[in-house]
Protein backbone atom coordinates (compact mmCIF):
# COMPACT_ATOMS: atom_id res chain seq x y z
CA MET A 1 -18.46 -15.72 37.97
CA ASN A 2 -14.83 -15.10 37.14
CA ILE A 3 -14.64 -13.72 33.62
CA LEU A 4 -11.64 -12.97 31.41
CA VAL A 5 -12.20 -10.17 28.89
CA THR A 6 -9.43 -9.87 26.31
CA GLY A 7 -9.12 -6.51 24.59
CA ALA A 8 -10.54 -4.89 27.72
CA ALA A 9 -9.07 -1.46 26.88
CA GLY A 10 -10.73 -1.56 23.48
CA PHE A 11 -13.96 0.15 22.47
CA ILE A 12 -16.28 -2.85 22.77
CA GLY A 13 -14.13 -4.52 25.42
CA MET A 14 -14.52 -1.66 27.89
CA HIS A 15 -18.30 -1.56 27.51
CA VAL A 16 -18.63 -5.34 27.81
CA ALA A 17 -16.42 -5.43 30.91
CA ILE A 18 -18.54 -2.72 32.59
CA LYS A 19 -21.70 -4.73 31.89
CA PHE A 20 -20.31 -7.78 33.70
CA LEU A 21 -18.83 -5.67 36.50
CA LYS A 22 -22.20 -4.03 37.13
CA SER A 23 -23.75 -7.51 37.21
CA GLY A 24 -21.48 -8.42 40.11
CA ASP A 25 -19.05 -10.66 38.25
CA LYS A 26 -15.31 -10.51 38.77
CA VAL A 27 -13.63 -9.36 35.58
CA TYR A 28 -9.97 -9.82 34.69
CA GLY A 29 -9.10 -7.64 31.73
CA VAL A 30 -6.08 -8.00 29.48
CA ASP A 31 -4.93 -5.82 26.61
CA ASN A 32 -1.59 -5.14 24.90
CA LEU A 33 -2.36 -1.40 24.55
CA SER A 34 -1.08 -1.38 20.97
CA ASP A 35 -0.39 1.95 19.29
CA TYR A 36 -2.66 1.22 16.31
CA TYR A 37 -4.54 4.28 17.55
CA ASP A 38 -4.15 6.78 20.41
CA VAL A 39 -3.02 4.84 23.47
CA SER A 40 -4.22 7.61 25.77
CA LEU A 41 -7.80 6.79 24.75
CA LYS A 42 -7.23 3.17 25.76
CA GLU A 43 -5.74 4.30 29.05
CA ALA A 44 -8.77 6.52 29.66
CA ARG A 45 -11.04 3.52 29.11
CA LEU A 46 -8.98 1.55 31.62
CA ASN A 47 -9.40 4.37 34.12
CA GLU A 48 -13.16 3.88 33.81
CA LEU A 49 -12.80 0.15 34.49
CA GLU A 50 -10.48 0.60 37.44
CA LYS A 51 -13.23 2.45 39.30
CA TYR A 52 -14.70 -1.00 40.02
CA ASP A 53 -13.33 -3.04 42.92
CA ASN A 54 -14.13 -6.30 41.12
CA PHE A 55 -11.87 -5.45 38.15
CA LYS A 56 -8.27 -6.52 37.67
CA PHE A 57 -6.00 -5.75 34.71
CA SER A 58 -2.76 -7.00 33.20
CA LYS A 59 -0.99 -5.70 30.13
CA ILE A 60 -0.71 -8.88 28.06
CA ASP A 61 -0.42 -9.59 24.35
CA ILE A 62 -2.51 -12.69 23.60
CA SER A 63 -0.10 -13.67 20.83
CA HIS A 64 2.59 -14.26 23.49
CA ASN A 65 1.75 -17.82 24.42
CA SER A 66 3.83 -18.05 27.60
CA ASP A 67 2.13 -14.96 29.06
CA ILE A 68 -1.34 -16.30 28.31
CA GLU A 69 -0.49 -19.71 29.74
CA GLU A 70 0.79 -18.12 32.95
CA LEU A 71 -2.41 -16.06 33.23
CA PHE A 72 -4.57 -19.19 33.06
CA LYS A 73 -2.33 -21.14 35.43
CA THR A 74 -2.56 -18.47 38.13
CA ASN A 75 -6.28 -17.67 37.72
CA THR A 76 -9.50 -19.61 37.31
CA PHE A 77 -11.89 -18.36 34.65
CA ASP A 78 -15.45 -19.62 34.26
CA MET A 79 -15.92 -17.75 31.01
CA VAL A 80 -13.75 -16.01 28.43
CA ILE A 81 -15.00 -13.10 26.31
CA SER A 82 -12.41 -12.91 23.53
CA LEU A 83 -12.46 -9.44 21.97
CA ALA A 84 -8.72 -8.81 21.52
CA ALA A 85 -7.85 -8.49 17.84
CA GLN A 86 -6.18 -6.26 15.32
CA PRO A 87 -9.15 -4.37 13.84
CA GLY A 88 -9.63 -2.50 10.60
CA VAL A 89 -10.22 -3.63 7.03
CA ARG A 90 -8.09 -0.98 5.32
CA TYR A 91 -5.07 -1.34 7.60
CA SER A 92 -5.02 -5.08 6.86
CA LEU A 93 -4.11 -4.25 3.25
CA LYS A 94 -0.98 -2.46 4.45
CA ASN A 95 0.16 -4.63 7.34
CA PRO A 96 -1.22 -8.18 7.00
CA HIS A 97 1.36 -9.79 9.29
CA VAL A 98 0.04 -8.09 12.43
CA TYR A 99 -3.42 -9.53 11.71
CA VAL A 100 -2.10 -13.06 11.50
CA GLN A 101 -0.10 -12.60 14.69
CA SER A 102 -2.93 -11.11 16.74
CA ASN A 103 -6.04 -12.65 15.22
CA ILE A 104 -4.75 -16.14 14.37
CA VAL A 105 -1.84 -16.84 16.72
CA GLY A 106 -3.48 -14.95 19.57
CA PHE A 107 -6.79 -16.75 19.12
CA ILE A 108 -5.28 -20.24 19.04
CA ASN A 109 -3.53 -19.39 22.32
CA ILE A 110 -6.91 -18.49 23.83
CA LEU A 111 -8.51 -21.67 22.49
CA GLU A 112 -5.73 -23.87 23.87
CA CYS A 113 -5.94 -22.30 27.31
CA CYS A 114 -9.74 -22.56 27.36
CA ARG A 115 -9.44 -26.23 26.44
CA HIS A 116 -6.81 -27.18 28.99
CA HIS A 117 -8.27 -25.13 31.84
CA LYS A 118 -11.87 -26.31 31.37
CA VAL A 119 -13.43 -22.94 30.63
CA LYS A 120 -17.21 -23.37 30.60
CA HIS A 121 -17.95 -20.95 27.74
CA LEU A 122 -15.90 -19.04 25.17
CA VAL A 123 -17.64 -16.07 23.55
CA TYR A 124 -15.60 -14.49 20.77
CA ALA A 125 -15.88 -11.63 18.30
CA SER A 126 -16.17 -12.29 14.61
CA SER A 127 -17.20 -9.65 12.08
CA SER A 128 -19.71 -8.83 9.36
CA SER A 129 -16.64 -8.55 7.11
CA VAL A 130 -16.72 -12.33 6.67
CA TYR A 131 -19.69 -11.91 4.29
CA GLY A 132 -17.50 -10.18 1.71
CA ASN A 133 -19.46 -9.11 -1.34
CA ASN A 134 -22.37 -11.47 -0.77
CA LYS A 135 -25.31 -10.17 -2.78
CA LYS A 136 -28.15 -11.86 -0.89
CA MET A 137 -29.59 -9.58 1.76
CA PRO A 138 -29.93 -9.64 4.69
CA PHE A 139 -26.82 -11.60 5.64
CA GLN A 140 -27.68 -14.85 7.43
CA VAL A 141 -25.31 -16.92 9.56
CA THR A 142 -26.07 -19.88 7.27
CA ASP A 143 -24.77 -18.03 4.18
CA ASN A 144 -21.60 -19.16 2.43
CA VAL A 145 -18.70 -16.98 3.60
CA ASP A 146 -15.83 -18.60 1.73
CA HIS A 147 -14.88 -15.50 -0.27
CA PRO A 148 -13.40 -12.82 2.04
CA ILE A 149 -12.05 -9.70 0.35
CA SER A 150 -9.61 -8.55 3.06
CA ILE A 151 -7.03 -10.23 5.29
CA TYR A 152 -8.98 -8.96 8.29
CA ALA A 153 -12.09 -10.80 7.10
CA ALA A 154 -10.04 -13.91 6.37
CA THR A 155 -8.67 -13.96 9.92
CA LYS A 156 -12.17 -13.61 11.38
CA LYS A 157 -13.48 -16.45 9.22
CA SER A 158 -10.49 -18.47 10.41
CA ASN A 159 -11.46 -17.77 14.03
CA GLU A 160 -14.90 -19.24 13.36
CA LEU A 161 -13.39 -22.40 11.88
CA MET A 162 -10.88 -22.75 14.70
CA ALA A 163 -13.57 -22.35 17.37
CA TYR A 164 -15.80 -24.89 15.64
CA THR A 165 -12.92 -27.36 15.58
CA TYR A 166 -12.31 -26.98 19.32
CA ALA A 167 -16.02 -27.34 20.03
CA SER A 168 -16.09 -30.49 17.91
CA LEU A 169 -12.84 -32.11 19.11
CA TYR A 170 -12.83 -31.13 22.75
CA GLY A 171 -16.42 -30.17 23.57
CA LEU A 172 -15.45 -26.55 24.29
CA PRO A 173 -18.69 -24.51 24.22
CA CYS A 174 -18.16 -21.62 21.81
CA THR A 175 -20.39 -18.74 20.74
CA GLY A 176 -19.24 -16.57 17.83
CA LEU A 177 -20.66 -13.10 17.23
CA ARG A 178 -20.51 -11.28 13.92
CA PHE A 179 -20.55 -7.58 14.84
CA PHE A 180 -21.95 -5.05 12.36
CA THR A 181 -20.34 -1.55 12.22
CA VAL A 182 -20.34 -0.70 15.92
CA TYR A 183 -20.40 2.94 17.04
CA GLY A 184 -20.96 4.91 20.23
CA PRO A 185 -19.18 6.64 23.13
CA TRP A 186 -15.50 5.70 23.60
CA GLY A 187 -15.41 4.59 19.96
CA ARG A 188 -12.36 3.96 17.81
CA PRO A 189 -10.73 6.97 16.13
CA ASP A 190 -10.29 5.06 12.85
CA MET A 191 -14.03 4.53 12.34
CA ALA A 192 -16.46 6.72 10.42
CA PRO A 193 -18.37 8.41 13.30
CA PHE A 194 -15.12 9.52 14.94
CA LEU A 195 -13.39 10.51 11.69
CA PHE A 196 -16.36 12.49 10.39
CA THR A 197 -17.07 14.26 13.68
CA ASP A 198 -13.42 15.23 14.12
CA ALA A 199 -13.10 16.47 10.53
CA ILE A 200 -16.30 18.54 10.61
CA LEU A 201 -15.39 20.23 13.90
CA ASN A 202 -11.90 21.00 12.59
CA LYS A 203 -13.20 22.16 9.19
CA LYS A 204 -11.38 19.44 7.29
CA LYS A 205 -12.63 17.40 4.37
CA ILE A 206 -14.15 14.01 5.06
CA LYS A 207 -13.35 11.14 2.73
CA VAL A 208 -16.52 9.68 1.25
CA PHE A 209 -15.81 6.41 -0.52
CA ASN A 210 -17.74 5.09 -3.52
CA HIS A 211 -19.09 8.66 -3.81
CA GLY A 212 -21.34 7.97 -0.82
CA ASP A 213 -23.08 5.01 -2.45
CA LEU A 214 -22.60 2.65 0.49
CA LEU A 215 -24.93 1.04 3.02
CA ARG A 216 -23.95 0.09 6.55
CA ASP A 217 -25.90 -1.63 9.32
CA PHE A 218 -24.69 0.77 12.02
CA THR A 219 -25.14 -0.83 15.46
CA TYR A 220 -25.02 1.11 18.71
CA VAL A 221 -22.53 -0.23 21.23
CA ASP A 222 -25.09 -0.76 24.02
CA ASP A 223 -26.98 -3.15 21.72
CA ILE A 224 -23.76 -5.05 21.05
CA VAL A 225 -23.08 -5.30 24.78
CA GLU A 226 -26.59 -6.52 25.55
CA GLY A 227 -26.23 -9.18 22.86
CA VAL A 228 -22.87 -10.31 24.20
CA TYR A 229 -24.22 -10.51 27.74
CA ARG A 230 -27.33 -12.45 26.83
CA VAL A 231 -25.56 -15.08 24.73
CA SER A 232 -22.91 -15.45 27.43
CA GLN A 233 -25.64 -16.67 29.78
CA LYS A 234 -26.77 -19.40 27.36
CA VAL A 235 -24.01 -21.96 26.98
CA PRO A 236 -24.22 -24.04 23.77
CA GLU A 237 -24.70 -27.77 24.33
CA THR A 238 -23.87 -30.84 22.26
CA LYS A 239 -26.97 -31.99 20.39
CA VAL A 240 -27.75 -35.51 19.18
CA LEU A 241 -29.76 -35.63 15.96
CA GLU A 242 -32.29 -38.27 14.92
CA ASP A 243 -29.63 -40.17 12.98
CA GLN A 244 -27.54 -40.24 16.19
CA SER A 245 -24.93 -37.85 14.78
CA GLU A 246 -23.70 -35.16 17.13
CA VAL A 247 -23.68 -31.38 16.64
CA PRO A 248 -20.89 -29.77 18.71
CA PRO A 249 -21.57 -27.06 21.33
CA TYR A 250 -21.07 -24.21 18.90
CA ILE A 251 -23.27 -21.39 17.63
CA LEU A 252 -22.92 -18.23 15.53
CA HIS A 253 -25.03 -15.07 15.68
CA ASN A 254 -25.18 -11.77 13.84
CA ILE A 255 -25.44 -8.71 16.06
CA GLY A 256 -26.58 -5.83 13.89
CA ASN A 257 -29.32 -3.23 13.82
CA ASN A 258 -31.15 -4.98 10.97
CA ASN A 259 -31.51 -1.60 9.25
CA PRO A 260 -28.87 -0.51 6.69
CA ILE A 261 -28.28 3.26 6.54
CA LYS A 262 -27.07 5.14 3.46
CA LEU A 263 -23.64 6.64 4.10
CA LEU A 264 -24.79 10.11 3.03
CA ASP A 265 -27.74 9.90 5.44
CA PHE A 266 -25.33 8.88 8.18
CA ILE A 267 -23.16 11.93 7.46
CA GLU A 268 -26.23 14.17 7.44
CA THR A 269 -27.22 12.88 10.89
CA ILE A 270 -23.81 13.93 12.23
CA GLU A 271 -24.03 17.31 10.47
CA THR A 272 -27.44 17.96 12.00
CA ARG A 273 -26.26 17.09 15.50
CA LEU A 274 -23.17 19.30 15.18
CA GLY A 275 -24.98 22.13 13.41
CA GLN A 276 -22.23 22.19 10.78
CA LYS A 277 -21.92 21.01 7.20
CA ALA A 278 -19.19 18.61 6.13
CA GLU A 279 -16.87 19.37 3.26
CA LYS A 280 -16.85 16.12 1.32
CA GLU A 281 -14.08 14.60 -0.78
CA MET A 282 -15.80 12.09 -3.03
CA LEU A 283 -13.60 9.07 -3.73
CA PRO A 284 -13.92 5.73 -5.53
CA MET A 285 -14.56 2.46 -3.72
CA GLN A 286 -11.81 1.62 -1.25
CA GLU A 287 -10.07 -1.69 -1.87
CA GLY A 288 -11.25 -4.31 0.62
CA ASP A 289 -14.54 -2.52 1.37
CA VAL A 290 -17.97 -3.98 0.71
CA TYR A 291 -20.96 -2.16 -0.77
CA SER A 292 -23.52 -3.08 1.87
CA THR A 293 -23.94 -4.81 5.22
CA PHE A 294 -27.32 -5.97 6.53
CA ALA A 295 -27.73 -8.30 9.50
CA ASP A 296 -30.37 -10.98 9.78
CA THR A 297 -30.72 -11.34 13.56
CA LYS A 298 -33.28 -14.15 13.68
CA SER A 299 -30.92 -16.61 15.41
CA LEU A 300 -30.19 -14.03 18.12
CA GLN A 301 -33.90 -13.41 18.64
CA ASP A 302 -34.68 -17.14 18.72
CA GLU A 303 -31.89 -18.02 21.13
CA VAL A 304 -31.93 -15.15 23.62
CA GLY A 305 -34.95 -13.02 22.72
CA PHE A 306 -32.97 -9.93 21.76
CA ASN A 307 -32.88 -7.68 18.72
CA PRO A 308 -30.77 -4.46 18.52
CA SER A 309 -33.03 -1.46 18.08
CA THR A 310 -31.27 1.82 18.97
CA GLU A 311 -32.17 4.46 16.38
CA LEU A 312 -29.29 6.14 14.55
CA LYS A 313 -30.24 9.66 15.67
CA GLU A 314 -30.22 8.62 19.33
CA GLY A 315 -26.93 6.74 19.01
CA ILE A 316 -25.18 9.59 17.18
CA ASP A 317 -26.43 12.07 19.75
CA ARG A 318 -24.92 10.00 22.56
CA PHE A 319 -21.65 9.53 20.69
CA ILE A 320 -21.21 13.23 19.93
CA SER A 321 -22.17 14.23 23.48
CA TRP A 322 -19.39 11.96 24.74
CA TYR A 323 -16.94 13.23 22.11
CA LEU A 324 -17.52 16.90 22.93
CA LYS A 325 -17.13 16.25 26.65
CA PHE A 326 -14.09 13.97 26.35
CA TYR A 327 -12.19 16.29 24.03
CA GLU A 328 -13.53 19.44 25.72
CA LYS A 329 -14.86 20.91 22.49
């Protein structure tokens, strides 16, 4: 198949692209290589992708409609894996406009092109952030998510609504995936595993929000990739109910480890692997953050027979092994 992966130079995007490349598909990757974090890391990921003969790349910003339209006019894509987005809850409090431009404008451009060019399946990234401060655990895809507490979360909820609308109006098959705190090799420098590892090695304080009283459903990147790949192979179909009403070709899944980890236990796992103790700066709850995330993955298991299961110790070991090698520590 011919597959478009947006955000291909990103953390998850690179890993997903490699999965499809190894499966023999032709992958066209696009990314705007924004400077939100170290561009050289994104370029290094691209270098990994360009080792494959069945990979092609263009530097494109999905919020630039004319560029996206030209891409679809000059190429035929069977499937689109839409991972391009402005990430980060905390940064969305400082610079909300970039989130609207990338996550809303960019996503509608993707939807329009998928519609007009008869793409067979759109798989797109949502986020566990849409659950906000929901108290019921674990989070289920059927839960009410009408109360986001960050602009980032609001844009991801908007993506879900937009995709549902296109599935309903135009029959565009859409699968949305709510990712839960992804970590692993080639990870983002603004996320906890990277920040903590870097700080400990450089004998700097790590910032521990809510005095460490936080729970996160840390999910290893290989589990995310396997989930993305499996759902991509099962295209949603329009269903007719007993009352003859139609359900559009649209489905949502959580992809999480189904096992929340205490933040202090997470830090201790990194300390143990590095053989060094962290100097902690205990801070109050960060605005826009949630206390806990916990994925119910029943729909994923029912639909494609998969449940993330990589243990934290194993995942952290792989991440730190990559980090030490990449940064020559």
